[in-house]
Amino acid sequence: MHETANLMDIALGYPQILAHFSEHSSQPMIAVEGNAFTVRHANAAFLHLCGATQSDLIGHPFAVACPECDANGCMSLLDRVYNTGIPEVLPEQLHRTAPSIYWSYAAWPILNGDNHPVGVMLQVTDSTEIALFREQSIKMNQSLLQAGIRQHEMVEASEVLNGRLQAALKEKDYFIAVLSHELRTPLAPVLIGATVLLEDHHQTPDARFITEMIHRNITLEAHLIDDLLDITRIEHGKLNLDRHPIDLRGIVERSVGMCADEIETCQLTVEVESTNAPQVVLADESRLLQVFTNLLRNATKFTPAGGNILIRSRREGATCTVEVIDDGEGIDPEFLPRIFSAFEQREKPHTRRRGLGLGLAICKVIVGLHEGTITARSKGKGRGATFIVTLPGATVAASSPGPEKPPAPVDPPVLKPLRILLVEDHADTARMMSRVLKNDGHAVQWAGDMADGLRLAAAHPFDLLLCDLGLPDGTGWDLMHALRAAGSALPGIVLSGYGQDQDLERSREAGFKAHLTKPVNLQTLREAIGSATA
């Protein structure tokens, strides 16, 4: 410390030594002397930052040579460091307006041989981008609060940019998780009820038509919620692929089958053209199917009744290409560059075709993870649109999935009668679940909270636990931990609106055999019950 102090003392007496000291720094630096803070030296980086020359600054008080906005705390910082001899850092101070420029300061005292401050060395950093980002984050938070979404307070202004960004992302993920749960929960009993009615082979044609419509739209709502969760997985780099050789022709045929109801409802004609040569790619079958169903549903949404959609697939050399071509409304050239951005929509607010704008963004990420590309073309409004997916071809043999057919009524699998403890606080869901399970031959007892579930588990023998996660007095994980602590080996299945990756992992760690996300497909539930109790 003493050697440094002498060096700085000498520096004030010999400007050439100070210049040598500061000019080696790429950071803007300026030295001021006395309690009037007279400028004695400024390095080239500082001159460049403030757009001044040495003659503009040297010999003038800092407040005159480099005036700051009224709200800037730089002069107070200089006072404190000069009087206390303690270095300080002052982040993100407004230096100038129109346009807004923010500076951050690091100040330390210049000491004489007696270790008394005789001046201050100031290092300046342009922190405009950080400060403007902070302002935008605050505005976003206020907007969410006005919409009724409770947000944690933003991190303190002194935290670094990365800390604030991580906190904001955590809050958004929490919001999406809660939102998906709140949306899924009321869908669950509706989907169960519709499935039960579809299993009734004695329905009239009109009743079956209405039931299929309900089932179709509830399933679509569940897909939209899945898209929200996929966006979160994408942002965290957790959208993983299970790749194996598949033939694109089979995926295209399945996507047409899965969209058959929408195509028929919209009175569209869909034609598939494909070469006979295999179009094998190394891909995740379910994710690639998600891409082409999204593209086909997008074309269906923007093609008027009586329109046409052409899906053309081929292999050219080492590349497989699929084109989805419609003669619908087309795309405005100004919108084309943003069409694969999340939360962007073609239509203005309140039009009937407005959506979340997630499907195409997810398609782009999935195709990118397959080392492929997806592009959009259109000659303008009213002239149709073409989406082109290219993927690297594979040379190995592939499985070729057949076309997806619309869901048809199926008889439930035969399961042995079980004694089931159902813990569910949503009354409609509990009633529908109990009815379905009893119709399948099971004995069901219902608990509305964790305490009641533990009481029933202690008083009666059960073969299986079906449990929601969000309970009034705890979680389904808490309930399973309590059962295990009491010595119970009761197998369990989670039925919850929470379906993020970390939720599934916690369910496995708690000891559940399966984690099913609401709204639950009854066929899937019955298969899970059979597997959990085998």
Protein backbone atom coordinates (compact mmCIF):
# COMPACT_ATOMS: atom_id res chain seq x y z
CA MET A 1 0.00 0.00 0.00
CA HIS A 2 2.88 2.38 0.90
CA GLU A 3 4.61 1.76 -2.42
CA THR A 4 1.39 2.44 -4.32
CA ALA A 5 0.79 5.62 -2.36
CA ASN A 6 4.28 6.94 -3.18
CA LEU A 7 3.79 6.12 -6.84
CA MET A 8 0.52 8.04 -6.94
CA ASP A 9 2.09 10.96 -5.06
CA ILE A 10 4.91 11.08 -7.59
CA ALA A 11 2.34 10.79 -10.38
CA LEU A 12 0.63 14.02 -9.32
CA GLY A 13 3.95 15.80 -9.52
CA TYR A 14 5.01 14.28 -12.81
CA PRO A 15 2.26 14.13 -15.46
CA GLN A 16 4.42 12.02 -17.77
CA ILE A 17 4.55 9.21 -15.17
CA LEU A 18 0.78 9.42 -14.67
CA ALA A 19 0.26 9.28 -18.42
CA HIS A 20 2.43 6.19 -18.63
CA PHE A 21 0.45 4.60 -15.79
CA SER A 22 -3.03 5.25 -17.18
CA GLU A 23 -2.41 5.06 -20.90
CA HIS A 24 -1.60 1.36 -20.55
CA SER A 25 -5.19 0.79 -19.44
CA SER A 26 -7.92 0.17 -22.02
CA GLN A 27 -10.45 1.46 -19.48
CA PRO A 28 -11.30 5.18 -19.43
CA MET A 29 -9.42 6.77 -16.49
CA ILE A 30 -9.10 10.32 -15.14
CA ALA A 31 -7.17 11.71 -12.16
CA VAL A 32 -8.43 14.73 -10.16
CA GLU A 33 -6.63 16.69 -7.42
CA GLY A 34 -7.82 18.33 -4.20
CA ASN A 35 -11.31 18.84 -2.88
CA ALA A 36 -12.13 20.96 -5.93
CA PHE A 37 -11.35 17.86 -8.02
CA THR A 38 -9.25 19.65 -10.59
CA VAL A 39 -8.45 17.42 -13.56
CA ARG A 40 -4.73 16.59 -13.74
CA HIS A 41 -4.76 13.81 -16.30
CA ALA A 42 -7.14 11.86 -18.57
CA ASN A 43 -6.08 8.88 -20.64
CA ALA A 44 -6.89 8.38 -24.32
CA ALA A 45 -9.74 5.98 -23.55
CA PHE A 46 -11.46 8.62 -21.38
CA LEU A 47 -10.96 11.35 -24.00
CA HIS A 48 -12.54 9.05 -26.59
CA LEU A 49 -15.45 8.21 -24.27
CA CYS A 50 -16.39 11.82 -23.54
CA GLY A 51 -15.35 13.26 -26.91
CA ALA A 52 -12.92 15.80 -25.47
CA THR A 53 -9.26 16.81 -25.72
CA GLN A 54 -6.67 17.21 -23.00
CA SER A 55 -6.97 21.00 -23.21
CA ASP A 56 -10.74 20.74 -22.62
CA LEU A 57 -10.15 18.95 -19.30
CA ILE A 58 -6.72 19.63 -17.76
CA GLY A 59 -6.79 22.32 -15.08
CA HIS A 60 -10.58 22.51 -14.93
CA PRO A 61 -12.78 21.21 -12.11
CA PHE A 62 -14.25 17.84 -13.01
CA ALA A 63 -17.81 19.16 -12.59
CA VAL A 64 -17.12 21.86 -15.20
CA ALA A 65 -14.96 19.85 -17.59
CA CYS A 66 -17.25 16.81 -17.56
CA PRO A 67 -20.70 17.87 -16.37
CA GLU A 68 -23.09 15.14 -15.22
CA CYS A 69 -26.89 15.03 -14.98
CA ASP A 70 -28.43 16.23 -11.71
CA ALA A 71 -29.33 12.67 -10.66
CA ASN A 72 -25.75 11.44 -11.19
CA GLY A 73 -23.91 10.58 -7.97
CA CYS A 74 -20.35 10.96 -9.27
CA MET A 75 -19.53 14.17 -7.36
CA SER A 76 -20.83 12.69 -4.11
CA LEU A 77 -18.68 9.62 -4.82
CA LEU A 78 -15.58 11.81 -5.27
CA ASP A 79 -16.36 13.60 -2.00
CA ARG A 80 -16.68 10.34 -0.07
CA VAL A 81 -13.55 8.72 -1.47
CA TYR A 82 -11.47 11.91 -0.99
CA ASN A 83 -12.64 12.39 2.61
CA THR A 84 -12.58 8.75 3.74
CA GLY A 85 -9.75 7.32 1.67
CA ILE A 86 -11.93 4.25 0.98
CA PRO A 87 -12.38 3.04 -2.62
CA GLU A 88 -15.97 2.77 -3.90
CA VAL A 89 -17.91 1.55 -6.93
CA LEU A 90 -20.99 3.39 -8.20
CA PRO A 91 -23.02 1.54 -10.90
CA GLU A 92 -25.25 2.85 -13.70
CA GLN A 93 -25.53 6.62 -13.23
CA LEU A 94 -27.29 8.76 -15.82
CA HIS A 95 -24.54 10.79 -17.47
CA ARG A 96 -26.45 12.47 -20.27
CA THR A 97 -29.93 12.50 -21.82
CA ALA A 98 -31.17 12.62 -25.45
CA PRO A 99 -29.95 10.01 -26.03
CA SER A 100 -29.62 8.47 -22.59
CA ILE A 101 -26.04 7.54 -21.64
CA TYR A 102 -25.18 5.75 -18.39
CA TRP A 103 -21.76 5.56 -16.76
CA SER A 104 -20.55 3.36 -13.94
CA TYR A 105 -17.65 4.52 -11.75
CA ALA A 106 -14.86 2.91 -9.75
CA ALA A 107 -12.96 5.43 -7.58
CA TRP A 108 -9.96 5.05 -5.32
CA PRO A 109 -7.91 7.66 -3.42
CA ILE A 110 -4.54 9.01 -4.52
CA LEU A 111 -2.42 9.17 -1.35
CA ASN A 112 0.66 11.18 -0.47
CA GLY A 113 3.64 9.88 1.44
CA ASP A 114 1.70 10.27 4.71
CA ASN A 115 -1.19 8.17 3.38
CA HIS A 116 -3.49 11.20 3.22
CA PRO A 117 -5.78 11.61 0.19
CA VAL A 118 -4.65 14.34 -2.19
CA GLY A 119 -6.81 13.33 -5.14
CA VAL A 120 -8.96 10.64 -6.66
CA MET A 121 -8.40 8.27 -9.58
CA LEU A 122 -11.67 7.58 -11.41
CA GLN A 123 -12.31 4.66 -13.80
CA VAL A 124 -15.41 5.03 -15.99
CA THR A 125 -17.39 2.28 -17.76
CA ASP A 126 -20.15 2.90 -20.29
CA SER A 127 -23.06 0.89 -18.80
CA THR A 128 -25.80 2.21 -21.06
CA GLU A 129 -26.85 -1.23 -22.36
CA ILE A 130 -27.13 -2.64 -18.85
CA ALA A 131 -29.13 0.32 -17.56
CA LEU A 132 -31.51 0.31 -20.52
CA PHE A 133 -32.05 -3.42 -20.12
CA ARG A 134 -32.89 -2.83 -16.46
CA GLU A 135 -35.46 -0.19 -17.42
CA GLN A 136 -37.09 -2.57 -19.93
CA SER A 137 -37.24 -5.33 -17.30
CA ILE A 138 -39.01 -3.01 -14.87
CA LYS A 139 -41.60 -2.10 -17.50
CA MET A 140 -42.20 -5.78 -18.28
CA ASN A 141 -42.68 -6.51 -14.59
CA GLN A 142 -45.21 -3.69 -14.21
CA SER A 143 -47.15 -5.01 -17.20
CA LEU A 144 -47.34 -8.47 -15.65
CA LEU A 145 -48.51 -7.03 -12.35
CA GLN A 146 -51.33 -5.14 -14.11
CA ALA A 147 -52.45 -8.43 -15.63
CA GLY A 148 -52.84 -9.87 -12.17
CA ILE A 149 -49.71 -12.00 -12.13
CA ARG A 150 -47.83 -11.77 -8.87
CA GLN A 151 -44.18 -11.13 -9.45
CA HIS A 152 -41.33 -11.04 -7.04
CA GLU A 153 -39.63 -7.72 -6.69
CA MET A 154 -36.86 -7.17 -9.14
CA VAL A 155 -33.40 -7.80 -7.90
CA GLU A 156 -31.65 -4.87 -6.34
CA ALA A 157 -30.13 -2.33 -8.69
CA SER A 158 -26.60 -3.17 -7.50
CA GLU A 159 -26.79 -6.77 -8.78
CA VAL A 160 -25.03 -7.60 -11.98
CA LEU A 161 -26.95 -7.95 -15.23
CA ASN A 162 -26.67 -11.72 -15.29
CA GLY A 163 -28.24 -12.02 -11.84
CA ARG A 164 -31.21 -9.88 -12.84
CA LEU A 165 -31.70 -11.81 -16.06
CA GLN A 166 -31.67 -15.19 -14.27
CA ALA A 167 -34.19 -13.96 -11.69
CA ALA A 168 -36.51 -12.70 -14.44
CA LEU A 169 -36.31 -16.04 -16.27
CA LYS A 170 -37.04 -17.91 -13.05
CA GLU A 171 -40.13 -15.79 -12.44
CA LYS A 172 -41.37 -16.37 -15.99
CA ASP A 173 -40.87 -20.13 -15.67
CA TYR A 174 -42.82 -20.12 -12.41
CA PHE A 175 -45.63 -18.17 -14.03
CA ILE A 176 -45.82 -20.59 -16.96
CA ALA A 177 -45.81 -23.57 -14.61
CA VAL A 178 -48.65 -22.14 -12.52
CA LEU A 179 -50.54 -21.00 -15.61
CA SER A 180 -50.31 -24.44 -17.22
CA HIS A 181 -51.55 -26.05 -13.99
CA GLU A 182 -54.50 -23.66 -13.68
CA LEU A 183 -55.44 -24.22 -17.34
CA ARG A 184 -55.06 -28.00 -17.25
CA THR A 185 -57.03 -28.59 -14.06
CA PRO A 186 -60.51 -27.61 -15.38
CA LEU A 187 -59.79 -29.39 -18.68
CA ALA A 188 -59.23 -32.72 -16.93
CA PRO A 189 -62.83 -33.60 -15.97
CA VAL A 190 -64.13 -32.39 -19.35
CA LEU A 191 -61.74 -34.62 -21.29
CA ILE A 192 -62.49 -37.57 -19.02
CA GLY A 193 -66.22 -37.05 -19.48
CA ALA A 194 -65.89 -36.77 -23.26
CA THR A 195 -63.81 -39.95 -23.36
CA VAL A 196 -66.37 -41.81 -21.28
CA LEU A 197 -69.10 -40.76 -23.70
CA LEU A 198 -67.01 -41.82 -26.69
CA GLU A 199 -66.74 -45.28 -25.14
CA ASP A 200 -70.53 -45.48 -25.14
CA HIS A 201 -71.34 -47.33 -28.36
CA HIS A 202 -75.05 -46.51 -28.01
CA GLN A 203 -74.75 -42.78 -28.59
CA THR A 204 -76.86 -41.20 -31.31
CA PRO A 205 -74.96 -39.78 -34.30
CA ASP A 206 -75.69 -36.20 -33.16
CA ALA A 207 -74.47 -36.92 -29.63
CA ARG A 208 -71.32 -38.57 -30.92
CA PHE A 209 -70.66 -35.61 -33.25
CA ILE A 210 -70.90 -33.19 -30.33
CA THR A 211 -68.78 -35.42 -28.09
CA GLU A 212 -66.06 -35.75 -30.71
CA MET A 213 -66.07 -31.96 -31.13
CA ILE A 214 -65.61 -31.48 -27.37
CA HIS A 215 -62.88 -34.11 -27.21
CA ARG A 216 -61.08 -32.60 -30.23
CA ASN A 217 -61.07 -29.04 -28.87
CA ILE A 218 -60.04 -30.01 -25.34
CA THR A 219 -57.15 -31.99 -26.82
CA LEU A 220 -56.18 -28.93 -28.88
CA GLU A 221 -56.16 -26.79 -25.72
CA ALA A 222 -53.85 -29.31 -24.07
CA HIS A 223 -51.51 -29.08 -27.09
CA LEU A 224 -51.38 -25.28 -26.72
CA ILE A 225 -50.34 -25.65 -23.09
CA ASP A 226 -47.69 -28.15 -24.14
CA ASP A 227 -46.37 -25.51 -26.55
CA LEU A 228 -45.93 -23.08 -23.65
CA LEU A 229 -43.91 -25.66 -21.75
CA ASP A 230 -41.85 -26.44 -24.86
CA ILE A 231 -40.89 -22.77 -25.14
CA THR A 232 -39.58 -22.93 -21.57
CA ARG A 233 -37.62 -26.10 -22.34
CA ILE A 234 -36.16 -24.44 -25.43
CA GLU A 235 -35.01 -21.38 -23.47
CA HIS A 236 -33.21 -23.62 -20.98
CA GLY A 237 -31.73 -25.89 -23.65
CA LYS A 238 -33.67 -28.87 -22.30
CA LEU A 239 -35.58 -29.86 -25.43
CA ASN A 240 -33.91 -33.23 -25.91
CA LEU A 241 -34.23 -35.56 -28.89
CA ASP A 242 -34.46 -39.35 -29.06
CA ARG A 243 -33.22 -39.88 -32.61
CA HIS A 244 -33.38 -42.99 -34.74
CA PRO A 245 -33.76 -43.65 -38.49
CA ILE A 246 -37.26 -42.95 -39.79
CA ASP A 247 -38.81 -42.42 -43.22
CA LEU A 248 -40.22 -38.92 -43.69
CA ARG A 249 -43.04 -40.25 -45.86
CA GLY A 250 -44.58 -42.03 -42.87
CA ILE A 251 -44.32 -38.91 -40.70
CA VAL A 252 -46.06 -36.83 -43.37
CA GLU A 253 -48.88 -39.37 -43.68
CA ARG A 254 -49.34 -39.45 -39.88
CA SER A 255 -49.50 -35.67 -39.70
CA VAL A 256 -52.30 -35.64 -42.27
CA GLY A 257 -54.16 -38.27 -40.26
CA MET A 258 -53.78 -36.31 -37.03
CA CYS A 259 -55.19 -33.18 -38.69
CA ALA A 260 -58.02 -35.01 -40.46
CA ASP A 261 -60.75 -33.47 -38.31
CA GLU A 262 -59.54 -29.90 -38.87
CA ILE A 263 -59.13 -30.53 -42.60
CA GLU A 264 -62.67 -31.91 -42.87
CA THR A 265 -64.17 -29.14 -40.74
CA CYS A 266 -62.49 -26.45 -42.88
CA GLN A 267 -63.57 -28.20 -46.10
CA LEU A 268 -60.05 -28.35 -47.52
CA THR A 269 -58.41 -30.70 -49.99
CA VAL A 270 -55.02 -32.08 -48.97
CA GLU A 271 -52.80 -33.83 -51.49
CA VAL A 272 -49.54 -35.62 -50.70
CA GLU A 273 -46.88 -36.03 -53.40
CA SER A 274 -43.82 -38.13 -52.69
CA THR A 275 -41.13 -39.93 -54.62
CA ASN A 276 -40.82 -43.68 -54.29
CA ALA A 277 -37.24 -43.50 -53.06
CA PRO A 278 -36.79 -43.80 -49.28
CA GLN A 279 -36.49 -40.48 -47.45
CA VAL A 280 -34.67 -41.64 -44.36
CA VAL A 281 -33.57 -39.15 -41.71
CA LEU A 282 -32.07 -39.58 -38.24
CA ALA A 283 -34.75 -37.94 -36.14
CA ASP A 284 -36.94 -37.89 -33.05
CA GLU A 285 -40.19 -39.29 -34.42
CA SER A 286 -42.57 -37.50 -32.02
CA ARG A 287 -40.82 -34.14 -32.37
CA LEU A 288 -40.70 -34.33 -36.16
CA LEU A 289 -44.39 -35.27 -36.16
CA GLN A 290 -44.96 -32.16 -34.02
CA VAL A 291 -43.29 -30.05 -36.73
CA PHE A 292 -45.41 -31.29 -39.61
CA THR A 293 -48.72 -31.27 -37.70
CA ASN A 294 -47.98 -27.68 -36.68
CA LEU A 295 -47.23 -26.72 -40.28
CA LEU A 296 -50.36 -28.47 -41.54
CA ARG A 297 -52.56 -26.90 -38.86
CA ASN A 298 -51.05 -23.52 -39.67
CA ALA A 299 -51.91 -23.99 -43.35
CA THR A 300 -55.42 -25.14 -42.38
CA LYS A 301 -55.92 -22.05 -40.21
CA PHE A 302 -55.05 -19.61 -43.00
CA THR A 303 -56.67 -21.36 -45.97
CA PRO A 304 -60.34 -20.50 -46.69
CA ALA A 305 -62.98 -23.21 -47.12
CA GLY A 306 -62.63 -25.01 -50.45
CA GLY A 307 -58.90 -24.32 -50.57
CA ASN A 308 -56.06 -26.71 -51.28
CA ILE A 309 -52.96 -27.84 -49.41
CA LEU A 310 -50.14 -29.73 -51.12
CA ILE A 311 -47.48 -31.61 -49.15
CA ARG A 312 -44.55 -32.55 -51.32
CA SER A 313 -41.60 -34.64 -50.08
CA ARG A 314 -38.49 -35.83 -51.86
CA ARG A 315 -34.85 -36.74 -51.44
CA GLU A 316 -32.19 -34.93 -53.46
CA GLY A 317 -28.68 -36.20 -52.87
CA ALA A 318 -27.88 -36.01 -49.16
CA THR A 319 -30.91 -33.86 -48.30
CA CYS A 320 -34.57 -34.67 -47.65
CA THR A 321 -37.08 -31.89 -48.29
CA VAL A 322 -40.74 -31.48 -47.35
CA GLU A 323 -42.83 -28.57 -48.65
CA VAL A 324 -46.23 -27.59 -47.23
CA ILE A 325 -47.94 -25.42 -49.82
CA ASP A 326 -51.33 -23.73 -49.46
CA ASP A 327 -53.35 -21.37 -51.65
CA GLY A 328 -54.66 -19.41 -48.67
CA GLU A 329 -54.26 -15.91 -47.33
CA GLY A 330 -50.51 -15.68 -47.83
CA ILE A 331 -48.03 -13.73 -45.71
CA ASP A 332 -47.28 -10.02 -45.74
CA PRO A 333 -43.64 -9.54 -46.86
CA GLU A 334 -43.03 -7.31 -43.82
CA PHE A 335 -43.99 -10.16 -41.50
CA LEU A 336 -41.92 -12.90 -43.17
CA PRO A 337 -38.67 -12.13 -41.28
CA ARG A 338 -40.50 -12.52 -37.93
CA ILE A 339 -42.72 -15.48 -38.72
CA PHE A 340 -40.64 -17.96 -36.70
CA SER A 341 -40.38 -15.70 -33.65
CA ALA A 342 -42.23 -16.74 -30.49
CA PHE A 343 -45.36 -14.74 -29.62
CA GLU A 344 -45.56 -13.22 -33.12
CA GLN A 345 -48.85 -13.49 -35.00
CA ARG A 346 -49.80 -12.74 -38.57
CA GLU A 347 -53.13 -11.20 -37.61
CA LYS A 348 -53.97 -8.08 -35.66
CA PRO A 349 -55.41 -8.49 -32.14
CA HIS A 350 -58.99 -9.74 -31.81
CA THR A 351 -59.14 -11.43 -35.21
CA ARG A 352 -60.48 -14.96 -35.18
CA ARG A 353 -57.22 -16.52 -36.31
CA ARG A 354 -55.02 -14.92 -33.67
CA GLY A 355 -53.01 -17.43 -31.64
CA LEU A 356 -50.03 -17.49 -29.29
CA GLY A 357 -47.52 -17.54 -32.13
CA LEU A 358 -45.60 -20.44 -30.60
CA GLY A 359 -46.04 -23.28 -33.10
CA LEU A 360 -43.72 -21.99 -35.82
CA ALA A 361 -41.09 -20.89 -33.30
CA ILE A 362 -41.05 -24.40 -31.85
CA CYS A 363 -40.85 -25.88 -35.37
CA LYS A 364 -37.75 -23.80 -36.11
CA VAL A 365 -35.98 -24.98 -32.94
CA ILE A 366 -36.87 -28.65 -33.49
CA VAL A 367 -35.70 -28.58 -37.10
CA GLY A 368 -32.52 -26.80 -36.02
CA LEU A 369 -31.81 -29.49 -33.42
CA HIS A 370 -32.01 -31.98 -36.31
CA GLU A 371 -29.32 -29.96 -38.18
CA GLY A 372 -31.99 -28.89 -40.68
CA THR A 373 -33.55 -25.65 -41.86
CA ILE A 374 -37.08 -24.33 -42.18
CA THR A 375 -38.02 -21.37 -44.36
CA ALA A 376 -41.22 -19.60 -45.38
CA ARG A 377 -42.11 -18.08 -48.72
CA SER A 378 -45.09 -16.10 -49.96
CA LYS A 379 -45.78 -13.77 -52.84
CA GLY A 380 -47.95 -11.65 -50.56
CA LYS A 381 -51.44 -11.38 -49.13
CA GLY A 382 -53.97 -13.63 -50.83
CA ARG A 383 -51.33 -15.56 -52.76
CA GLY A 384 -50.72 -18.55 -50.52
CA ALA A 385 -47.68 -19.63 -48.53
CA THR A 386 -45.01 -22.32 -48.70
CA PHE A 387 -43.05 -23.74 -45.77
CA ILE A 388 -39.95 -25.73 -46.65
CA VAL A 389 -38.23 -28.14 -44.25
CA THR A 390 -34.85 -29.59 -45.22
CA LEU A 391 -33.13 -32.30 -43.19
CA PRO A 392 -29.89 -34.20 -43.69
CA GLY A 393 -30.60 -37.65 -45.10
CA ALA A 394 -29.45 -40.88 -43.47
CA THR A 395 -28.21 -44.02 -45.16
CA VAL A 396 -29.38 -46.59 -42.61
CA ALA A 397 -32.67 -48.50 -42.75
CA ALA A 398 -35.68 -46.80 -41.22
CA SER A 399 -38.93 -47.61 -39.57
CA SER A 400 -41.88 -46.17 -41.43
CA PRO A 401 -44.82 -45.24 -39.20
CA GLY A 402 -48.21 -45.54 -40.78
CA PRO A 403 -50.81 -42.79 -41.07
CA GLU A 404 -52.43 -41.51 -37.92
CA LYS A 405 -56.16 -42.20 -37.88
CA PRO A 406 -58.72 -40.14 -36.00
CA PRO A 407 -59.36 -41.53 -32.50
CA ALA A 408 -62.03 -44.21 -32.53
CA PRO A 409 -63.98 -45.62 -29.58
CA VAL A 410 -62.09 -48.47 -27.97
CA ASP A 411 -63.01 -50.86 -25.22
CA PRO A 412 -61.03 -50.18 -22.05
CA PRO A 413 -58.32 -52.73 -21.24
CA VAL A 414 -59.30 -55.36 -18.72
CA LEU A 415 -57.64 -54.66 -15.38
CA LYS A 416 -57.90 -56.62 -12.18
CA PRO A 417 -60.15 -54.93 -9.59
CA LEU A 418 -58.08 -52.66 -7.37
CA ARG A 419 -58.58 -50.75 -4.15
CA ILE A 420 -57.62 -47.21 -5.15
CA LEU A 421 -56.97 -44.18 -2.93
CA LEU A 422 -57.72 -41.05 -4.99
CA VAL A 423 -56.33 -37.81 -3.48
CA GLU A 424 -57.63 -34.86 -5.51
CA ASP A 425 -58.82 -31.45 -4.30
CA HIS A 426 -60.62 -30.49 -7.55
CA ALA A 427 -64.12 -31.83 -6.98
CA ASP A 428 -65.20 -32.20 -10.62
CA THR A 429 -62.04 -34.07 -11.51
CA ALA A 430 -62.39 -36.33 -8.47
CA ARG A 431 -66.01 -37.18 -9.28
CA MET A 432 -65.25 -37.99 -12.92
CA MET A 433 -62.16 -40.01 -12.02
CA SER A 434 -64.09 -41.96 -9.39
CA ARG A 435 -66.87 -42.71 -11.85
CA VAL A 436 -64.46 -43.93 -14.54
CA LEU A 437 -62.47 -46.06 -12.12
CA LYS A 438 -65.59 -47.60 -10.60
CA ASN A 439 -66.94 -48.34 -14.08
CA ASP A 440 -63.68 -50.21 -14.68
CA GLY A 441 -64.41 -52.37 -11.63
CA HIS A 442 -62.21 -50.68 -9.03
CA ALA A 443 -63.13 -49.69 -5.47
CA VAL A 444 -62.33 -46.01 -4.96
CA GLN A 445 -62.05 -43.85 -1.85
CA TRP A 446 -61.60 -40.12 -2.32
CA ALA A 447 -59.62 -37.72 -0.13
CA GLY A 448 -59.62 -33.98 -0.76
CA ASP A 449 -56.36 -33.16 0.99
CA MET A 450 -53.15 -34.67 2.31
CA ALA A 451 -54.35 -35.14 5.89
CA ASP A 452 -57.48 -37.02 4.80
CA GLY A 453 -55.39 -39.13 2.43
CA LEU A 454 -53.01 -40.16 5.22
CA ARG A 455 -55.95 -40.98 7.47
CA LEU A 456 -57.57 -43.22 4.86
CA ALA A 457 -54.25 -44.89 4.03
CA ALA A 458 -53.75 -45.74 7.70
CA ALA A 459 -57.29 -47.10 8.14
CA HIS A 460 -57.76 -49.13 4.93
CA PRO A 461 -55.65 -51.39 2.69
CA PHE A 462 -55.12 -50.01 -0.82
CA ASP A 463 -53.49 -51.35 -3.97
CA LEU A 464 -52.77 -48.00 -5.63
CA LEU A 465 -52.51 -44.26 -4.90
CA LEU A 466 -53.70 -41.77 -7.54
CA CYS A 467 -52.63 -38.34 -6.35
CA ASP A 468 -52.69 -34.70 -7.44
CA LEU A 469 -49.61 -32.59 -6.64
CA GLY A 470 -51.19 -29.31 -5.56
CA LEU A 471 -53.15 -30.05 -2.38
CA PRO A 472 -54.54 -27.55 0.16
CA ASP A 473 -52.21 -28.71 2.95
CA GLY A 474 -49.13 -29.97 1.09
CA THR A 475 -48.10 -31.68 -2.12
CA GLY A 476 -48.46 -35.14 -3.55
CA TRP A 477 -44.72 -35.51 -3.03
CA ASP A 478 -45.18 -34.71 0.67
CA LEU A 479 -47.92 -37.33 0.86
CA MET A 480 -45.77 -40.02 -0.71
CA HIS A 481 -42.83 -39.16 1.56
CA ALA A 482 -45.13 -39.42 4.59
CA LEU A 483 -46.42 -42.82 3.44
CA ARG A 484 -42.89 -44.10 2.92
CA ALA A 485 -41.86 -42.79 6.34
CA ALA A 486 -44.78 -44.74 7.84
CA GLY A 487 -43.50 -47.92 6.21
CA SER A 488 -46.02 -48.07 3.34
CA ALA A 489 -44.92 -49.44 -0.03
CA LEU A 490 -48.15 -48.36 -1.77
CA PRO A 491 -47.45 -47.74 -5.49
CA GLY A 492 -48.52 -44.35 -6.74
CA ILE A 493 -49.31 -42.41 -9.90
CA VAL A 494 -49.26 -38.62 -10.11
CA LEU A 495 -52.18 -36.90 -11.88
CA SER A 496 -51.28 -33.21 -12.09
CA GLY A 497 -51.45 -30.03 -14.11
CA TYR A 498 -47.76 -29.53 -13.36
CA GLY A 499 -45.80 -31.23 -16.11
CA GLN A 500 -42.38 -29.64 -16.44
CA ASP A 501 -39.26 -31.78 -16.51
CA GLN A 502 -38.33 -30.96 -12.93
CA ASP A 503 -41.83 -31.98 -11.78
CA LEU A 504 -41.47 -35.39 -13.40
CA GLU A 505 -38.04 -35.83 -11.82
CA ARG A 506 -39.33 -34.97 -8.34
CA SER A 507 -42.17 -37.47 -8.76
CA ARG A 508 -39.67 -40.20 -9.61
CA GLU A 509 -37.52 -39.26 -6.62
CA ALA A 510 -40.55 -39.34 -4.31
CA GLY A 511 -41.32 -42.91 -5.36
CA PHE A 512 -44.20 -42.54 -7.82
CA LYS A 513 -44.40 -45.12 -10.59
CA ALA A 514 -45.66 -42.64 -13.18
CA HIS A 515 -46.40 -38.92 -13.63
CA LEU A 516 -49.38 -38.19 -15.90
CA THR A 517 -50.13 -34.62 -16.91
CA LYS A 518 -53.72 -33.38 -16.94
CA PRO A 519 -55.90 -33.60 -18.89
CA VAL A 520 -55.26 -37.34 -18.76
CA ASN A 521 -56.03 -39.65 -21.65
CA LEU A 522 -57.99 -42.55 -20.15
CA GLN A 523 -56.21 -45.13 -22.28
CA THR A 524 -52.88 -43.81 -20.98
CA LEU A 525 -54.20 -43.84 -17.40
CA ARG A 526 -55.37 -47.45 -17.67
CA GLU A 527 -52.04 -48.52 -19.10
CA ALA A 528 -50.21 -46.72 -16.28
CA ILE A 529 -52.41 -48.40 -13.67
CA GLY A 530 -51.71 -51.79 -15.17
CA SER A 531 -47.97 -51.12 -15.22
CA ALA A 532 -47.84 -49.69 -11.69
CA THR A 533 -49.71 -52.63 -10.16
CA ALA A 534 -48.22 -55.45 -12.22
